[in-house]
Amino acid sequence: EGDEGEVPLTLRRVWEFAMTAPLDEIRFILETKRLNKAAAEASFAGEYGHCVGRTLRCDRERRVMGDSIFTRILSYTSAACDARMAGAMIPVMSNSGSGNQGIAATLPVVVYAEETAASEEQTIRALTLSHLTVVYIKQSLGRLSALCGCVVAATGSSCGITYLMGGGYDQVAAAVKNMIANLTGMICDGAKPSCAMKLTSGVSTAVLSAMMAMDGRCVTPVEGIIDEDVDRCIHNLTKIGRDGMNETDRIVLGIMTDKA
C-alpha cells in the first residue's frame, strides 16, 4: 500500500500490465481461484445464510433460468458469499480488504474461463485484469463508502469476462462504462447475509455489460454520468460514492440504529 501514490493508475495502465506482465510474476492470482471456488463448493453442500447460491441450482429456478454459464456464474458467486456472511469457517481471498469484493472479482471470471475452456494464461490475465481494476477504482473511492463494494468488484469481473470473450482494451473500457451507467448508487447497509443478493445483481450486470460491449454497445457521453474518457467515468462513480452518498450513509445508519 505504501507506494500507491507513485504511479497514478489508469484503466489503460491496468490493461497493459495484465496483458504483458510475465506469467510467473502474476501466477499467484490463481490462488484466488482455488480459494474462492472451494468456498462456493463448500457452500453448495451446506445451509448458509439465505442460500442464494443453492436456490439458483434448484429445479424450480432452473426451469425459469436454465442451466447456463450465466446461471453458474451467479450461483458460484452468491454461494461463496452465502457461506462467508454466515460466518462459515471457510477462507476466501479478498480484494482491497473485502472478502465479498474478492469473491465478486474472482468467481465470475473463473466460471466463465472454465466453461469456455480458456487457457491457463488467459485465466491468469483475466483474473489479474479484474482484481487490478477493482484496486484502481477502490483507490479513489476510499476504504469505506455508502456505495456497495460489489459495484466496484463486479466492474472488475466484467472486464475479465470481456477479455475472455475476446475483447480488447476498447471493449473493456465499454464494459466499465456500461457498469457505471447501470449499478452506480447501490447502497451499502453493512455486511450481512443479504449481501449475496447484491453480489448476484452485480455479477449479472457484469455479464450483461460485457456482452453489450462485445456487440459494440456502449453507453454514450450524452447519457447521465458517463464521459467519453473511461477514467473520468470511474472518477464520476467514486465521487458519487465518496462525496455524494454521505447523506445516504447517515440516513442508512440512522435507520439501522433506530430499530427497536
C-alpha atoms as a PDB file:
ATOM      1  CA  GLU A   1       0.000   0.000   0.000  1.00  0.00           C
ATOM      2  CA  GLY A   2       2.935   2.336   0.664  1.00  0.00           C
ATOM      3  CA  ASP A   3       3.818   3.191  -2.931  1.00  0.00           C
ATOM      4  CA  GLU A   4       0.246   3.604  -4.189  1.00  0.00           C
ATOM      5  CA  GLY A   5       0.715   7.312  -4.783  1.00  0.00           C
ATOM      6  CA  GLU A   6       3.751   6.949  -7.034  1.00  0.00           C
ATOM      7  CA  VAL A   7       2.105   5.550 -10.160  1.00  0.00           C
ATOM      8  CA  PRO A   8      -1.238   7.144 -10.951  1.00  0.00           C
ATOM      9  CA  LEU A   9      -3.284   4.247 -12.297  1.00  0.00           C
ATOM     10  CA  THR A  10      -5.463   4.431 -15.371  1.00  0.00           C
ATOM     11  CA  LEU A  11      -7.566   1.696 -16.923  1.00  0.00           C
ATOM     12  CA  ARG A  12      -5.103   1.610 -19.830  1.00  0.00           C
ATOM     13  CA  ARG A  13      -2.190   1.024 -17.416  1.00  0.00           C
ATOM     14  CA  VAL A  14      -4.089  -1.735 -15.650  1.00  0.00           C
ATOM     15  CA  TRP A  15      -4.878  -3.358 -19.018  1.00  0.00           C
ATOM     16  CA  GLU A  16      -1.271  -3.129 -20.250  1.00  0.00           C
ATOM     17  CA  PHE A  17       0.075  -4.679 -17.053  1.00  0.00           C
ATOM     18  CA  ALA A  18      -2.448  -7.524 -17.049  1.00  0.00           C
ATOM     19  CA  MET A  19      -1.704  -8.309 -20.678  1.00  0.00           C
ATOM     20  CA  THR A  20       2.090  -8.044 -20.637  1.00  0.00           C
ATOM     21  CA  ALA A  21       3.345  -8.943 -17.142  1.00  0.00           C
ATOM     22  CA  PRO A  22       5.462 -12.128 -17.144  1.00  0.00           C
ATOM     23  CA  LEU A  23       3.147 -15.004 -16.246  1.00  0.00           C
ATOM     24  CA  ASP A  24       5.299 -16.242 -13.402  1.00  0.00           C
ATOM     25  CA  GLU A  25       5.009 -12.845 -11.710  1.00  0.00           C
ATOM     26  CA  ILE A  26       1.203 -12.915 -11.709  1.00  0.00           C
ATOM     27  CA  ARG A  27       0.549 -16.653 -11.449  1.00  0.00           C
ATOM     28  CA  PHE A  28      -0.157 -16.208  -7.723  1.00  0.00           C
ATOM     29  CA  ILE A  29      -3.561 -14.828  -8.744  1.00  0.00           C
ATOM     30  CA  LEU A  30      -4.664 -18.435  -9.310  1.00  0.00           C
ATOM     31  CA  GLU A  31      -4.801 -18.712  -5.533  1.00  0.00           C
ATOM     32  CA  THR A  32      -7.903 -16.502  -5.670  1.00  0.00           C
ATOM     33  CA  LYS A  33      -9.456 -19.079  -7.985  1.00  0.00           C
ATOM     34  CA  ARG A  34      -8.581 -22.011  -5.760  1.00  0.00           C
ATOM     35  CA  LEU A  35      -9.798 -20.478  -2.504  1.00  0.00           C
ATOM     36  CA  ASN A  36     -12.962 -18.782  -3.716  1.00  0.00           C
ATOM     37  CA  LYS A  37     -14.089 -21.727  -5.838  1.00  0.00           C
ATOM     38  CA  ALA A  38     -13.600 -24.061  -2.873  1.00  0.00           C
ATOM     39  CA  ALA A  39     -15.702 -21.685  -0.748  1.00  0.00           C
ATOM     40  CA  ALA A  40     -18.551 -21.850  -3.270  1.00  0.00           C
ATOM     41  CA  GLU A  41     -18.413 -25.633  -3.471  1.00  0.00           C
ATOM     42  CA  ALA A  42     -18.415 -25.978   0.315  1.00  0.00           C
ATOM     43  CA  SER A  43     -21.432 -23.676   0.414  1.00  0.00           C
ATOM     44  CA  PHE A  44     -23.406 -25.816  -2.039  1.00  0.00           C
ATOM     45  CA  ALA A  45     -23.061 -28.688   0.412  1.00  0.00           C
ATOM     46  CA  GLY A  46     -24.327 -26.683   3.395  1.00  0.00           C
ATOM     47  CA  GLU A  47     -27.131 -24.433   4.540  1.00  0.00           C
ATOM     48  CA  TYR A  48     -25.758 -20.918   4.776  1.00  0.00           C
ATOM     49  CA  GLY A  49     -27.482 -17.551   5.056  1.00  0.00           C
ATOM     50  CA  HIS A  50     -30.271 -17.105   2.528  1.00  0.00           C
ATOM     51  CA  CYS A  51     -28.924 -19.958   0.374  1.00  0.00           C
ATOM     52  CA  VAL A  52     -28.916 -17.738  -2.709  1.00  0.00           C
ATOM     53  CA  GLY A  53     -26.324 -19.942  -4.419  1.00  0.00           C
ATOM     54  CA  ARG A  54     -28.202 -23.142  -3.723  1.00  0.00           C
ATOM     55  CA  THR A  55     -31.517 -21.581  -4.684  1.00  0.00           C
ATOM     56  CA  LEU A  56     -30.128 -20.811  -8.141  1.00  0.00           C
ATOM     57  CA  ARG A  57     -29.385 -24.523  -8.585  1.00  0.00           C
ATOM     58  CA  CYS A  58     -32.859 -25.771  -7.573  1.00  0.00           C
ATOM     59  CA  ASP A  59     -35.172 -27.391 -10.131  1.00  0.00           C
ATOM     60  CA  ARG A  60     -37.737 -24.605  -9.965  1.00  0.00           C
ATOM     61  CA  GLU A  61     -35.127 -21.924 -10.627  1.00  0.00           C
ATOM     62  CA  ARG A  62     -33.536 -23.956 -13.394  1.00  0.00           C
ATOM     63  CA  ARG A  63     -36.904 -24.155 -15.135  1.00  0.00           C
ATOM     64  CA  VAL A  64     -37.010 -20.368 -15.101  1.00  0.00           C
ATOM     65  CA  MET A  65     -33.352 -19.541 -15.759  1.00  0.00           C
ATOM     66  CA  GLY A  66     -31.960 -22.678 -17.372  1.00  0.00           C
ATOM     67  CA  ASP A  67     -28.594 -24.257 -16.678  1.00  0.00           C
ATOM     68  CA  SER A  68     -26.116 -21.979 -18.396  1.00  0.00           C
ATOM     69  CA  ILE A  69     -22.758 -20.297 -17.997  1.00  0.00           C
ATOM     70  CA  PHE A  70     -24.729 -17.294 -16.752  1.00  0.00           C
ATOM     71  CA  THR A  71     -26.614 -19.140 -14.007  1.00  0.00           C
ATOM     72  CA  ARG A  72     -23.429 -20.901 -12.932  1.00  0.00           C
ATOM     73  CA  ILE A  73     -21.636 -17.567 -12.618  1.00  0.00           C
ATOM     74  CA  LEU A  74     -24.475 -16.339 -10.408  1.00  0.00           C
ATOM     75  CA  SER A  75     -24.707 -19.477  -8.269  1.00  0.00           C
ATOM     76  CA  TYR A  76     -20.957 -19.812  -7.610  1.00  0.00           C
ATOM     77  CA  THR A  77     -20.579 -16.129  -6.727  1.00  0.00           C
ATOM     78  CA  SER A  78     -23.578 -15.988  -4.410  1.00  0.00           C
ATOM     79  CA  ALA A  79     -22.769 -19.349  -2.804  1.00  0.00           C
ATOM     80  CA  ALA A  80     -19.311 -18.238  -1.699  1.00  0.00           C
ATOM     81  CA  CYS A  81     -20.880 -15.078  -0.274  1.00  0.00           C
ATOM     82  CA  ASP A  82     -23.641 -17.080   1.480  1.00  0.00           C
ATOM     83  CA  ALA A  83     -21.034 -19.095   3.366  1.00  0.00           C
ATOM     84  CA  ARG A  84     -18.832 -16.126   4.185  1.00  0.00           C
ATOM     85  CA  MET A  85     -21.621 -13.928   5.509  1.00  0.00           C
ATOM     86  CA  ALA A  86     -22.991 -16.802   7.591  1.00  0.00           C
ATOM     87  CA  GLY A  87     -19.648 -16.959   9.395  1.00  0.00           C
ATOM     88  CA  ALA A  88     -18.597 -20.321   7.968  1.00  0.00           C
ATOM     89  CA  MET A  89     -15.001 -21.220   8.728  1.00  0.00           C
ATOM     90  CA  ILE A  90     -14.118 -21.253   5.037  1.00  0.00           C
ATOM     91  CA  PRO A  91     -11.314 -18.987   3.803  1.00  0.00           C
ATOM     92  CA  VAL A  92     -11.835 -16.641   0.847  1.00  0.00           C
ATOM     93  CA  MET A  93      -9.370 -14.417  -0.973  1.00  0.00           C
ATOM     94  CA  SER A  94     -10.198 -10.743  -0.529  1.00  0.00           C
ATOM     95  CA  ASN A  95      -9.608  -7.633  -2.612  1.00  0.00           C
ATOM     96  CA  SER A  96      -8.964  -4.220  -1.012  1.00  0.00           C
ATOM     97  CA  GLY A  97      -9.712  -5.671   2.408  1.00  0.00           C
ATOM     98  CA  SER A  98     -13.093  -7.123   1.417  1.00  0.00           C
ATOM     99  CA  GLY A  99     -13.842 -10.826   1.085  1.00  0.00           C
ATOM    100  CA  ASN A 100     -17.050 -10.192  -0.840  1.00  0.00           C
ATOM    101  CA  GLN A 101     -15.194  -7.998  -3.310  1.00  0.00           C
ATOM    102  CA  GLY A 102     -12.620 -10.754  -3.719  1.00  0.00           C
ATOM    103  CA  ILE A 103     -15.416 -13.227  -4.437  1.00  0.00           C
ATOM    104  CA  ALA A 104     -17.160 -10.942  -6.945  1.00  0.00           C
ATOM    105  CA  ALA A 105     -13.904 -10.095  -8.725  1.00  0.00           C
ATOM    106  CA  THR A 106     -12.870 -13.758  -8.957  1.00  0.00           C
ATOM    107  CA  LEU A 107     -15.675 -16.247  -9.394  1.00  0.00           C
ATOM    108  CA  PRO A 108     -17.488 -14.828 -12.442  1.00  0.00           C
ATOM    109  CA  VAL A 109     -14.148 -14.815 -14.284  1.00  0.00           C
ATOM    110  CA  VAL A 110     -13.241 -18.312 -13.068  1.00  0.00           C
ATOM    111  CA  VAL A 111     -16.571 -19.847 -14.059  1.00  0.00           C
ATOM    112  CA  TYR A 112     -16.563 -18.146 -17.463  1.00  0.00           C
ATOM    113  CA  ALA A 113     -12.963 -19.264 -18.079  1.00  0.00           C
ATOM    114  CA  GLU A 114     -13.717 -22.878 -17.154  1.00  0.00           C
ATOM    115  CA  GLU A 115     -16.954 -23.052 -19.114  1.00  0.00           C
ATOM    116  CA  THR A 116     -15.293 -21.707 -22.263  1.00  0.00           C
ATOM    117  CA  ALA A 117     -12.097 -23.778 -21.885  1.00  0.00           C
ATOM    118  CA  ALA A 118      -9.847 -20.739 -21.594  1.00  0.00           C
ATOM    119  CA  SER A 119      -6.119 -21.427 -21.307  1.00  0.00           C
ATOM    120  CA  GLU A 120      -4.263 -21.047 -18.030  1.00  0.00           C
ATOM    121  CA  GLU A 121      -2.596 -17.899 -19.356  1.00  0.00           C
ATOM    122  CA  GLN A 122      -5.948 -16.360 -20.333  1.00  0.00           C
ATOM    123  CA  THR A 123      -7.346 -17.198 -16.906  1.00  0.00           C
ATOM    124  CA  ILE A 124      -4.367 -15.629 -15.129  1.00  0.00           C
ATOM    125  CA  ARG A 125      -4.527 -12.469 -17.237  1.00  0.00           C
ATOM    126  CA  ALA A 126      -8.311 -12.160 -16.881  1.00  0.00           C
ATOM    127  CA  LEU A 127      -8.117 -12.512 -13.089  1.00  0.00           C
ATOM    128  CA  THR A 128      -5.251 -10.010 -12.915  1.00  0.00           C
ATOM    129  CA  LEU A 129      -7.236  -7.540 -15.026  1.00  0.00           C
ATOM    130  CA  SER A 130     -10.302  -7.991 -12.816  1.00  0.00           C
ATOM    131  CA  HIS A 131      -8.535  -7.648  -9.472  1.00  0.00           C
ATOM    132  CA  LEU A 132      -6.359  -4.701 -10.543  1.00  0.00           C
ATOM    133  CA  THR A 133      -9.364  -2.844 -11.953  1.00  0.00           C
ATOM    134  CA  VAL A 134     -11.045  -3.198  -8.564  1.00  0.00           C
ATOM    135  CA  VAL A 135      -7.908  -1.937  -6.779  1.00  0.00           C
ATOM    136  CA  TYR A 136      -7.745   1.025  -9.165  1.00  0.00           C
ATOM    137  CA  ILE A 137     -11.388   2.033  -8.651  1.00  0.00           C
ATOM    138  CA  LYS A 138     -11.140   1.428  -4.913  1.00  0.00           C
ATOM    139  CA  GLN A 139      -8.119   3.743  -4.666  1.00  0.00           C
ATOM    140  CA  SER A 140     -10.190   6.797  -5.487  1.00  0.00           C
ATOM    141  CA  LEU A 141     -13.320   5.564  -3.696  1.00  0.00           C
ATOM    142  CA  GLY A 142     -11.635   5.081  -0.320  1.00  0.00           C
ATOM    143  CA  ARG A 143     -11.863   2.169   2.078  1.00  0.00           C
ATOM    144  CA  LEU A 144     -15.352   2.791   3.415  1.00  0.00           C
ATOM    145  CA  SER A 145     -18.231   4.166   1.395  1.00  0.00           C
ATOM    146  CA  ALA A 146     -22.023   4.109   1.299  1.00  0.00           C
ATOM    147  CA  LEU A 147     -21.589   2.663  -2.205  1.00  0.00           C
ATOM    148  CA  CYS A 148     -21.856  -1.128  -2.188  1.00  0.00           C
ATOM    149  CA  GLY A 149     -18.440  -2.647  -2.891  1.00  0.00           C
ATOM    150  CA  CYS A 150     -19.955  -5.217  -5.215  1.00  0.00           C
ATOM    151  CA  VAL A 151     -20.495  -2.432  -7.762  1.00  0.00           C
ATOM    152  CA  VAL A 152     -16.724  -1.958  -7.892  1.00  0.00           C
ATOM    153  CA  ALA A 153     -15.875  -5.663  -7.723  1.00  0.00           C
ATOM    154  CA  ALA A 154     -18.391  -6.665 -10.395  1.00  0.00           C
ATOM    155  CA  THR A 155     -16.928  -3.967 -12.661  1.00  0.00           C
ATOM    156  CA  GLY A 156     -13.598  -5.783 -12.370  1.00  0.00           C
ATOM    157  CA  SER A 157     -15.118  -9.138 -13.265  1.00  0.00           C
ATOM    158  CA  SER A 158     -16.945  -7.556 -16.208  1.00  0.00           C
ATOM    159  CA  CYS A 159     -13.517  -6.516 -17.555  1.00  0.00           C
ATOM    160  CA  GLY A 160     -12.126 -10.030 -17.042  1.00  0.00           C
ATOM    161  CA  ILE A 161     -15.095 -11.625 -18.792  1.00  0.00           C
ATOM    162  CA  THR A 162     -14.890  -9.132 -21.687  1.00  0.00           C
ATOM    163  CA  TYR A 163     -11.236 -10.075 -22.192  1.00  0.00           C
ATOM    164  CA  LEU A 164     -12.126 -13.794 -22.113  1.00  0.00           C
ATOM    165  CA  MET A 165     -14.804 -13.129 -24.736  1.00  0.00           C
ATOM    166  CA  GLY A 166     -12.013 -11.905 -26.993  1.00  0.00           C
ATOM    167  CA  GLY A 167     -12.337  -8.225 -26.211  1.00  0.00           C
ATOM    168  CA  GLY A 168      -9.524  -5.719 -26.393  1.00  0.00           C
ATOM    169  CA  TYR A 169      -8.978  -2.541 -24.405  1.00  0.00           C
ATOM    170  CA  ASP A 170     -11.781  -0.642 -26.145  1.00  0.00           C
ATOM    171  CA  GLN A 171     -14.343  -3.336 -25.320  1.00  0.00           C
ATOM    172  CA  VAL A 172     -13.121  -3.498 -21.716  1.00  0.00           C
ATOM    173  CA  ALA A 173     -13.498   0.279 -21.395  1.00  0.00           C
ATOM    174  CA  ALA A 174     -17.009  -0.002 -22.855  1.00  0.00           C
ATOM    175  CA  ALA A 175     -17.904  -2.675 -20.289  1.00  0.00           C
ATOM    176  CA  VAL A 176     -16.767  -0.360 -17.471  1.00  0.00           C
ATOM    177  CA  LYS A 177     -18.931   2.463 -18.831  1.00  0.00           C
ATOM    178  CA  ASN A 178     -21.921   0.125 -19.112  1.00  0.00           C
ATOM    179  CA  MET A 179     -21.453  -0.943 -15.487  1.00  0.00           C
ATOM    180  CA  ILE A 180     -21.187   2.619 -14.196  1.00  0.00           C
ATOM    181  CA  ALA A 181     -24.291   3.644 -16.178  1.00  0.00           C
ATOM    182  CA  ASN A 182     -26.277   0.851 -14.564  1.00  0.00           C
ATOM    183  CA  LEU A 183     -25.255  -0.030 -10.996  1.00  0.00           C
ATOM    184  CA  THR A 184     -23.962   3.248  -9.563  1.00  0.00           C
ATOM    185  CA  GLY A 185     -25.819   4.191  -6.407  1.00  0.00           C
ATOM    186  CA  MET A 186     -26.424   0.749  -4.905  1.00  0.00           C
ATOM    187  CA  ILE A 187     -26.234   1.429  -1.177  1.00  0.00           C
ATOM    188  CA  CYS A 188     -24.132  -0.396   1.385  1.00  0.00           C
ATOM    189  CA  ASP A 189     -26.094  -1.177   4.541  1.00  0.00           C
ATOM    190  CA  GLY A 190     -23.480  -3.302   6.251  1.00  0.00           C
ATOM    191  CA  ALA A 191     -22.056  -6.789   5.995  1.00  0.00           C
ATOM    192  CA  LYS A 192     -24.822  -9.377   6.303  1.00  0.00           C
ATOM    193  CA  PRO A 193     -26.319 -12.479   4.618  1.00  0.00           C
ATOM    194  CA  SER A 194     -28.295 -10.450   2.068  1.00  0.00           C
ATOM    195  CA  CYS A 195     -25.005  -9.242   0.557  1.00  0.00           C
ATOM    196  CA  ALA A 196     -25.212 -12.437  -1.510  1.00  0.00           C
ATOM    197  CA  MET A 197     -28.236 -10.995  -3.297  1.00  0.00           C
ATOM    198  CA  LYS A 198     -26.364  -7.782  -4.063  1.00  0.00           C
ATOM    199  CA  LEU A 199     -23.419  -9.732  -5.458  1.00  0.00           C
ATOM    200  CA  THR A 200     -25.854 -11.592  -7.701  1.00  0.00           C
ATOM    201  CA  SER A 201     -27.213  -8.271  -9.010  1.00  0.00           C
ATOM    202  CA  GLY A 202     -23.672  -7.022  -9.548  1.00  0.00           C
ATOM    203  CA  VAL A 203     -22.356 -10.012 -11.458  1.00  0.00           C
ATOM    204  CA  SER A 204     -25.487 -10.408 -13.583  1.00  0.00           C
ATOM    205  CA  THR A 205     -24.934  -6.798 -14.652  1.00  0.00           C
ATOM    206  CA  ALA A 206     -21.263  -7.618 -15.244  1.00  0.00           C
ATOM    207  CA  VAL A 207     -22.175 -10.316 -17.762  1.00  0.00           C
ATOM    208  CA  LEU A 208     -24.726  -8.050 -19.472  1.00  0.00           C
ATOM    209  CA  SER A 209     -22.194  -5.191 -19.670  1.00  0.00           C
ATOM    210  CA  ALA A 210     -19.553  -7.494 -21.172  1.00  0.00           C
ATOM    211  CA  MET A 211     -21.959  -8.908 -23.779  1.00  0.00           C
ATOM    212  CA  MET A 212     -23.120  -5.439 -24.789  1.00  0.00           C
ATOM    213  CA  ALA A 213     -19.521  -4.231 -25.059  1.00  0.00           C
ATOM    214  CA  MET A 214     -18.652  -7.188 -27.292  1.00  0.00           C
ATOM    215  CA  ASP A 215     -21.604  -6.301 -29.525  1.00  0.00           C
ATOM    216  CA  GLY A 216     -20.293  -2.753 -29.846  1.00  0.00           C
ATOM    217  CA  ARG A 217     -22.896  -1.348 -27.479  1.00  0.00           C
ATOM    218  CA  CYS A 218     -21.687   1.281 -25.035  1.00  0.00           C
ATOM    219  CA  VAL A 219     -23.479   3.937 -23.033  1.00  0.00           C
ATOM    220  CA  THR A 220     -22.610   7.281 -24.617  1.00  0.00           C
ATOM    221  CA  PRO A 221     -21.257  10.522 -23.096  1.00  0.00           C
ATOM    222  CA  VAL A 222     -24.591  12.312 -23.627  1.00  0.00           C
ATOM    223  CA  GLU A 223     -26.143   9.950 -21.065  1.00  0.00           C
ATOM    224  CA  GLY A 224     -26.071  10.739 -17.365  1.00  0.00           C
ATOM    225  CA  ILE A 225     -22.744  10.401 -15.580  1.00  0.00           C
ATOM    226  CA  ILE A 226     -20.911   8.723 -18.477  1.00  0.00           C
ATOM    227  CA  ASP A 227     -17.982  10.528 -20.076  1.00  0.00           C
ATOM    228  CA  GLU A 228     -16.023   9.772 -23.243  1.00  0.00           C
ATOM    229  CA  ASP A 229     -12.942   9.176 -21.058  1.00  0.00           C
ATOM    230  CA  VAL A 230     -13.347   5.936 -19.107  1.00  0.00           C
ATOM    231  CA  ASP A 231     -11.078   7.118 -16.287  1.00  0.00           C
ATOM    232  CA  ARG A 232     -13.294  10.155 -15.850  1.00  0.00           C
ATOM    233  CA  CYS A 233     -16.304   7.817 -15.697  1.00  0.00           C
ATOM    234  CA  ILE A 234     -14.576   5.911 -12.908  1.00  0.00           C
ATOM    235  CA  HIS A 235     -13.919   9.155 -11.045  1.00  0.00           C
ATOM    236  CA  ASN A 236     -17.565  10.152 -11.509  1.00  0.00           C
ATOM    237  CA  LEU A 237     -18.546   6.858  -9.878  1.00  0.00           C
ATOM    238  CA  THR A 238     -16.131   7.289  -6.974  1.00  0.00           C
ATOM    239  CA  LYS A 239     -17.076  10.944  -6.480  1.00  0.00           C
ATOM    240  CA  ILE A 240     -20.701   9.900  -6.064  1.00  0.00           C
ATOM    241  CA  GLY A 241     -19.715   7.072  -3.721  1.00  0.00           C
ATOM    242  CA  ARG A 242     -17.240   9.132  -1.713  1.00  0.00           C
ATOM    243  CA  ASP A 243     -18.882  12.567  -1.599  1.00  0.00           C
ATOM    244  CA  GLY A 244     -22.416  12.292  -2.894  1.00  0.00           C
ATOM    245  CA  MET A 245     -23.569   9.428  -0.709  1.00  0.00           C
ATOM    246  CA  ASN A 246     -22.513  10.843   2.674  1.00  0.00           C
ATOM    247  CA  GLU A 247     -26.082  11.827   3.474  1.00  0.00           C
ATOM    248  CA  THR A 248     -27.244   8.364   2.371  1.00  0.00           C
ATOM    249  CA  ASP A 249     -24.719   6.909   4.793  1.00  0.00           C
ATOM    250  CA  ARG A 250     -26.121   8.946   7.683  1.00  0.00           C
ATOM    251  CA  ILE A 251     -29.718   8.029   6.860  1.00  0.00           C
ATOM    252  CA  VAL A 252     -28.901   4.315   6.473  1.00  0.00           C
ATOM    253  CA  LEU A 253     -27.066   4.317   9.805  1.00  0.00           C
ATOM    254  CA  GLY A 254     -29.990   6.120  11.406  1.00  0.00           C
ATOM    255  CA  ILE A 255     -32.428   3.511  10.114  1.00  0.00           C
ATOM    256  CA  MET A 256     -30.216   0.679  11.320  1.00  0.00           C
ATOM    257  CA  THR A 257     -29.620   2.115  14.781  1.00  0.00           C
ATOM    258  CA  ASP A 258     -33.265   3.147  15.328  1.00  0.00           C
ATOM    259  CA  LYS A 259     -34.601  -0.391  15.015  1.00  0.00           C
ATOM    260  CA  ALA A 260     -36.475  -1.426  18.146  1.00  0.00           C
END
